[in-house]
Amino acid sequence: PASGKADKRWREAAALMTTPSFLLFLAAVGLIQGSHAAYYSFSILHWTALGFGATTIGFLWAAGVVAEIGVLTKVRGLVKRLGPEALIVIGGSAAALRWTLTALEPPLPVLFLVQTLHALSFAAAYLGAVEYIDRTLPKRLANTAMTLMSTTGVGAITGIATVACGYLYEADGAGAIYALTAVMGALGAVGGMLLRGKSVAL
């Protein structure tokens, strides 16, 4: 029986990965979350080069985390009202704005405000993804869909983006990597718009 259940899960995972609307979902969420690759891997190098000390950089990261926690713990009702597609669009738009402003190297007080956009670029997009899976897929496929999103979508795209940012950072500096990730966020927002009204039919 256990083997039969495992085979069924594999078949259902394969079916999800051949469903256009689910692939669009993976691409949208993966691009938005993957747009954080430059930030996760190169922000410390960038900000150190700008003359910020370790304590200041730590507080910059903390500002984003605190904003993220605030959204993840306080806005469940708003999530239900806005709907998953809107949250994904908000997350992608915030990512595009955040990385564009970061590339411009604003003054430190402004940069702290920019960091609070993590509440949208990460948390809103994540909540939208979870809500999308909850609303559009059978409950039995929720874990499978989350696993596929974390690996094939978010994980793979983040990994590829990190490698690309490494080459860009070496060749053209921080402006280039944040330009790339701003475009990724914008494309993710477009993907969220295209998700509206699409159901995952298996």
Protein backbone atom coordinates (compact mmCIF):
# COMPACT_ATOMS: atom_id res chain seq x y z
CA PRO A 1 0.00 0.00 0.00
CA ALA A 2 2.80 2.45 0.82
CA SER A 3 4.39 1.81 -2.56
CA GLY A 4 1.08 2.40 -4.29
CA LYS A 5 0.63 5.74 -2.53
CA ALA A 6 4.13 6.81 -3.50
CA ASP A 7 3.50 5.92 -7.14
CA LYS A 8 0.29 7.93 -7.08
CA ARG A 9 2.08 10.97 -5.65
CA TRP A 10 4.69 10.76 -8.40
CA ARG A 11 1.97 10.59 -11.05
CA GLU A 12 0.17 13.57 -9.54
CA ALA A 13 3.41 15.56 -9.38
CA ALA A 14 4.05 14.78 -13.04
CA ALA A 15 0.51 15.87 -13.89
CA LEU A 16 1.03 19.18 -12.08
CA MET A 17 4.28 19.79 -13.95
CA THR A 18 2.49 19.45 -17.28
CA THR A 19 -0.37 21.79 -16.36
CA PRO A 20 0.11 25.23 -18.01
CA SER A 21 -1.55 27.25 -15.24
CA PHE A 22 0.57 25.58 -12.56
CA LEU A 23 3.73 26.14 -14.59
CA LEU A 24 2.79 29.81 -14.91
CA PHE A 25 2.31 29.91 -11.14
CA LEU A 26 5.74 28.34 -10.58
CA ALA A 27 7.36 30.83 -12.94
CA ALA A 28 5.67 33.87 -11.37
CA VAL A 29 6.46 32.94 -7.79
CA GLY A 30 9.92 31.64 -8.67
CA LEU A 31 10.86 34.88 -10.43
CA ILE A 32 9.67 37.02 -7.52
CA GLN A 33 11.38 34.98 -4.82
CA GLY A 34 14.39 34.41 -7.07
CA SER A 35 14.73 38.16 -7.47
CA HIS A 36 16.11 38.19 -3.92
CA ALA A 37 19.23 36.37 -5.12
CA ALA A 38 21.29 39.53 -5.46
CA TYR A 39 20.23 40.68 -2.01
CA TYR A 40 20.90 37.37 -0.29
CA SER A 41 24.33 36.84 -1.86
CA PHE A 42 25.78 40.25 -2.63
CA SER A 43 24.14 42.95 -0.49
CA ILE A 44 26.79 42.69 2.23
CA LEU A 45 29.57 43.08 -0.35
CA HIS A 46 27.76 46.01 -1.97
CA TRP A 47 27.00 47.85 1.25
CA THR A 48 30.46 47.23 2.65
CA ALA A 49 31.90 48.79 -0.51
CA LEU A 50 29.67 51.81 0.12
CA GLY A 51 31.27 52.23 3.55
CA PHE A 52 28.52 50.81 5.77
CA GLY A 53 29.76 49.02 8.87
CA ALA A 54 28.77 45.52 9.96
CA THR A 55 26.35 46.83 12.61
CA THR A 56 24.58 49.08 10.12
CA ILE A 57 24.26 46.23 7.63
CA GLY A 58 22.90 43.99 10.38
CA PHE A 59 20.22 46.55 11.18
CA LEU A 60 19.37 46.85 7.47
CA TRP A 61 18.76 43.10 7.33
CA ALA A 62 16.82 43.22 10.58
CA ALA A 63 14.53 45.93 9.19
CA GLY A 64 13.49 43.62 6.39
CA VAL A 65 12.97 40.65 8.72
CA VAL A 66 10.83 42.64 11.16
CA ALA A 67 8.67 43.94 8.31
CA GLU A 68 8.30 40.40 6.96
CA ILE A 69 7.25 39.02 10.35
CA GLY A 70 4.69 41.79 10.72
CA VAL A 71 2.99 40.82 7.47
CA LEU A 72 3.17 37.07 8.05
CA THR A 73 1.57 37.32 11.48
CA LYS A 74 -0.92 40.18 11.25
CA VAL A 75 -2.68 40.25 7.87
CA ARG A 76 -4.43 36.91 7.46
CA GLY A 77 -7.81 38.55 6.96
CA LEU A 78 -6.41 40.87 4.31
CA VAL A 79 -4.89 37.89 2.52
CA LYS A 80 -8.31 36.29 2.24
CA ARG A 81 -9.86 39.50 0.88
CA LEU A 82 -7.18 40.36 -1.67
CA GLY A 83 -6.80 36.88 -3.08
CA PRO A 84 -3.65 35.04 -4.19
CA GLU A 85 -3.17 36.58 -7.62
CA ALA A 86 -3.31 40.13 -6.24
CA LEU A 87 -0.76 39.26 -3.55
CA ILE A 88 1.60 37.79 -6.14
CA VAL A 89 1.25 40.93 -8.27
CA ILE A 90 1.90 43.12 -5.22
CA GLY A 91 4.95 41.05 -4.33
CA GLY A 92 6.40 41.25 -7.84
CA SER A 93 5.75 44.98 -8.14
CA ALA A 94 7.34 45.60 -4.75
CA ALA A 95 10.38 43.54 -5.77
CA ALA A 96 10.79 45.55 -8.97
CA LEU A 97 10.57 48.81 -7.02
CA ARG A 98 12.81 47.59 -4.20
CA TRP A 99 15.67 46.43 -6.38
CA THR A 100 15.47 49.49 -8.62
CA LEU A 101 15.78 51.78 -5.60
CA THR A 102 18.56 49.65 -4.11
CA ALA A 103 20.52 49.92 -7.36
CA LEU A 104 20.31 53.72 -7.11
CA GLU A 105 22.24 53.59 -3.80
CA PRO A 106 19.95 55.93 -1.86
CA PRO A 107 20.96 57.63 1.43
CA LEU A 108 20.97 55.33 4.44
CA PRO A 109 17.63 56.53 5.95
CA VAL A 110 15.92 55.93 2.60
CA LEU A 111 17.59 52.54 2.30
CA PHE A 112 16.08 51.52 5.63
CA LEU A 113 12.63 52.39 4.23
CA VAL A 114 13.40 50.43 1.07
CA GLN A 115 14.28 47.42 3.22
CA THR A 116 10.78 47.37 4.70
CA LEU A 117 9.55 46.43 1.20
CA HIS A 118 10.66 42.92 2.15
CA ALA A 119 7.21 42.70 3.74
CA LEU A 120 5.80 42.76 0.22
CA SER A 121 8.54 41.45 -2.09
CA PHE A 122 8.95 38.31 0.02
CA ALA A 123 6.08 37.94 2.49
CA ALA A 124 3.16 39.07 0.32
CA ALA A 125 4.34 36.92 -2.58
CA TYR A 126 4.82 33.92 -0.28
CA LEU A 127 1.37 34.29 1.26
CA GLY A 128 -0.11 34.65 -2.21
CA ALA A 129 1.58 31.44 -3.29
CA VAL A 130 0.30 29.50 -0.29
CA GLU A 131 -3.20 30.91 -0.79
CA TYR A 132 -3.12 30.04 -4.49
CA ILE A 133 -2.27 26.43 -3.73
CA ASP A 134 -4.94 26.29 -1.04
CA ARG A 135 -7.66 27.68 -3.31
CA THR A 136 -6.94 26.07 -6.64
CA LEU A 137 -5.65 22.58 -5.87
CA PRO A 138 -7.21 19.57 -4.16
CA LYS A 139 -6.12 19.31 -0.52
CA ARG A 140 -4.33 16.03 -1.19
CA LEU A 141 -1.97 17.85 -3.59
CA ALA A 142 -1.07 20.74 -1.29
CA ASN A 143 2.17 19.21 0.02
CA THR A 144 3.20 18.09 -3.46
CA ALA A 145 2.55 21.55 -4.88
CA MET A 146 4.47 23.26 -2.05
CA THR A 147 7.42 20.93 -2.62
CA LEU A 148 7.42 21.60 -6.36
CA MET A 149 7.21 25.34 -5.73
CA SER A 150 10.10 25.27 -3.26
CA THR A 151 12.39 23.17 -5.46
CA THR A 152 11.53 23.53 -9.13
CA GLY A 153 10.19 27.08 -8.88
CA VAL A 154 11.82 29.10 -6.12
CA GLY A 155 14.90 26.96 -5.49
CA ALA A 156 15.98 26.43 -9.09
CA ILE A 157 15.33 29.99 -10.22
CA THR A 158 17.09 31.44 -7.17
CA GLY A 159 20.09 29.22 -7.82
CA ILE A 160 20.33 30.22 -11.48
CA ALA A 161 19.87 33.89 -10.61
CA THR A 162 22.61 33.71 -7.97
CA VAL A 163 25.09 32.34 -10.50
CA ALA A 164 24.09 34.99 -13.04
CA CYS A 165 24.45 37.72 -10.42
CA GLY A 166 27.94 36.48 -9.62
CA TYR A 167 29.07 37.00 -13.20
CA LEU A 168 27.26 40.34 -13.47
CA TYR A 169 28.64 41.63 -10.17
CA GLU A 170 32.18 40.83 -11.24
CA ALA A 171 31.68 42.39 -14.67
CA ASP A 172 29.48 45.42 -13.99
CA GLY A 173 28.96 45.82 -10.26
CA ALA A 174 25.90 46.06 -8.05
CA GLY A 175 23.82 48.13 -10.44
CA ALA A 176 23.74 45.29 -12.96
CA ILE A 177 22.62 42.62 -10.53
CA TYR A 178 19.83 44.74 -9.11
CA ALA A 179 18.71 45.68 -12.61
CA LEU A 180 18.42 41.97 -13.40
CA THR A 181 16.46 41.21 -10.26
CA ALA A 182 14.16 44.22 -10.75
CA VAL A 183 13.25 42.81 -14.15
CA MET A 184 12.63 39.40 -12.56
CA GLY A 185 10.24 40.97 -10.06
CA ALA A 186 8.38 42.81 -12.81
CA LEU A 187 8.03 39.62 -14.87
CA GLY A 188 6.73 37.83 -11.78
CA ALA A 189 4.09 40.53 -11.35
CA VAL A 190 3.03 40.06 -14.97
CA GLY A 191 2.78 36.33 -14.32
CA GLY A 192 0.53 37.03 -11.36
CA MET A 193 -1.74 39.11 -13.57
CA LEU A 194 -1.94 36.30 -16.10
CA LEU A 195 -2.94 33.86 -13.35
CA ARG A 196 -6.23 35.65 -12.76
CA GLY A 197 -9.15 33.43 -13.62
CA LYS A 198 -6.98 30.39 -14.41
CA SER A 199 -7.72 27.20 -12.55
CA VAL A 200 -5.40 24.21 -12.23
CA ALA A 201 -7.28 21.51 -14.15
CA LEU A 202 -5.78 18.04 -13.73
